[in-house]
Amino acid sequence: MELRSPAIRKFAHARPVIDCAQCGEKIFAPDWSEYLDDRKVRHLWACEACGYQFETIARFPEPVAG
């Protein structure tokens, strides 16, 4: 008997997960996010296992004029 449904597995793989660069543990969500402008978002990540902290920046493409 399987306790997890395929739908849960599909959802789990759709979410972004980052591995800690120091210890390799999974980090599931940023501690803090801020919009830098209309196309950039900065995320602050912290590993609960080892305490390492780092930032990432997500850049989104300009909308295509149509």
C-alpha atoms as a PDB file:
ATOM      1  CA  MET A   1       0.000   0.000   0.000  1.00  0.00           C
ATOM      2  CA  GLU A   2       1.330   3.437  -0.922  1.00  0.00           C
ATOM      3  CA  LEU A   3       0.635   6.317   1.458  1.00  0.00           C
ATOM      4  CA  ARG A   4       1.456   9.091  -1.004  1.00  0.00           C
ATOM      5  CA  SER A   5      -0.685   9.724  -4.016  1.00  0.00           C
ATOM      6  CA  PRO A   6       0.865  10.530  -7.426  1.00  0.00           C
ATOM      7  CA  ALA A   7      -0.712  14.004  -7.199  1.00  0.00           C
ATOM      8  CA  ILE A   8       1.340  14.817  -4.101  1.00  0.00           C
ATOM      9  CA  ARG A   9       4.547  13.652  -5.789  1.00  0.00           C
ATOM     10  CA  LYS A  10       3.759  15.827  -8.822  1.00  0.00           C
ATOM     11  CA  PHE A  11       3.111  18.852  -6.568  1.00  0.00           C
ATOM     12  CA  ALA A  12       6.330  18.304  -4.616  1.00  0.00           C
ATOM     13  CA  HIS A  13       8.408  18.258  -7.809  1.00  0.00           C
ATOM     14  CA  ALA A  14       6.732  21.427  -9.104  1.00  0.00           C
ATOM     15  CA  ARG A  15       7.896  23.496  -6.122  1.00  0.00           C
ATOM     16  CA  PRO A  16      11.351  25.037  -6.255  1.00  0.00           C
ATOM     17  CA  VAL A  17      13.778  23.492  -3.795  1.00  0.00           C
ATOM     18  CA  ILE A  18      17.341  24.683  -3.250  1.00  0.00           C
ATOM     19  CA  ASP A  19      20.166  22.606  -1.822  1.00  0.00           C
ATOM     20  CA  CYS A  20      22.377  24.282   0.769  1.00  0.00           C
ATOM     21  CA  ALA A  21      25.781  25.006  -0.778  1.00  0.00           C
ATOM     22  CA  GLN A  22      27.515  24.135   2.511  1.00  0.00           C
ATOM     23  CA  CYS A  23      25.836  20.959   3.778  1.00  0.00           C
ATOM     24  CA  GLY A  24      23.485  19.856   0.962  1.00  0.00           C
ATOM     25  CA  GLU A  25      20.262  19.918   2.997  1.00  0.00           C
ATOM     26  CA  LYS A  26      17.072  20.916   1.178  1.00  0.00           C
ATOM     27  CA  ILE A  27      15.741  24.457   1.684  1.00  0.00           C
ATOM     28  CA  PHE A  28      12.074  24.683   0.722  1.00  0.00           C
ATOM     29  CA  ALA A  29      11.314  28.400   0.953  1.00  0.00           C
ATOM     30  CA  PRO A  30      13.211  31.663   1.297  1.00  0.00           C
ATOM     31  CA  ASP A  31      13.196  33.427   4.666  1.00  0.00           C
ATOM     32  CA  TRP A  32      12.587  36.757   2.985  1.00  0.00           C
ATOM     33  CA  SER A  33      11.900  38.148  -0.499  1.00  0.00           C
ATOM     34  CA  GLU A  34      11.922  41.678  -1.897  1.00  0.00           C
ATOM     35  CA  TYR A  35      10.967  43.145  -5.245  1.00  0.00           C
ATOM     36  CA  LEU A  36      13.916  45.094  -6.661  1.00  0.00           C
ATOM     37  CA  ASP A  37      11.967  46.335  -9.679  1.00  0.00           C
ATOM     38  CA  ASP A  38       9.178  45.081 -11.952  1.00  0.00           C
ATOM     39  CA  ARG A  39      11.378  42.258 -13.309  1.00  0.00           C
ATOM     40  CA  LYS A  40      13.663  41.237 -10.404  1.00  0.00           C
ATOM     41  CA  VAL A  41      13.057  39.596  -7.022  1.00  0.00           C
ATOM     42  CA  ARG A  42      15.758  38.967  -4.404  1.00  0.00           C
ATOM     43  CA  HIS A  43      15.373  35.980  -2.044  1.00  0.00           C
ATOM     44  CA  LEU A  44      17.261  35.448   1.222  1.00  0.00           C
ATOM     45  CA  TRP A  45      17.748  31.775   2.092  1.00  0.00           C
ATOM     46  CA  ALA A  46      18.939  30.267   5.377  1.00  0.00           C
ATOM     47  CA  CYS A  47      19.737  26.621   6.042  1.00  0.00           C
ATOM     48  CA  GLU A  48      18.187  25.338   9.264  1.00  0.00           C
ATOM     49  CA  ALA A  49      20.702  22.483   9.432  1.00  0.00           C
ATOM     50  CA  CYS A  50      23.978  24.452   9.344  1.00  0.00           C
ATOM     51  CA  GLY A  51      22.989  28.152   9.503  1.00  0.00           C
ATOM     52  CA  TYR A  52      24.479  29.100   6.120  1.00  0.00           C
ATOM     53  CA  GLN A  53      22.755  32.121   4.491  1.00  0.00           C
ATOM     54  CA  PHE A  54      22.784  33.289   0.875  1.00  0.00           C
ATOM     55  CA  GLU A  55      20.832  35.363  -1.651  1.00  0.00           C
ATOM     56  CA  THR A  56      19.442  34.588  -5.082  1.00  0.00           C
ATOM     57  CA  ILE A  57      17.941  36.957  -7.636  1.00  0.00           C
ATOM     58  CA  ALA A  58      15.142  35.875  -9.970  1.00  0.00           C
ATOM     59  CA  ARG A  59      14.965  37.825 -13.221  1.00  0.00           C
ATOM     60  CA  PHE A  60      11.879  37.740 -15.397  1.00  0.00           C
ATOM     61  CA  PRO A  61      11.874  38.517 -19.135  1.00  0.00           C
ATOM     62  CA  GLU A  62      10.331  41.688 -20.491  1.00  0.00           C
ATOM     63  CA  PRO A  63       6.774  41.191 -21.743  1.00  0.00           C
ATOM     64  CA  VAL A  64       6.520  40.706 -25.485  1.00  0.00           C
ATOM     65  CA  ALA A  65       4.628  43.569 -27.140  1.00  0.00           C
ATOM     66  CA  GLY A  66       1.758  42.193 -29.122  1.00  0.00           C
END
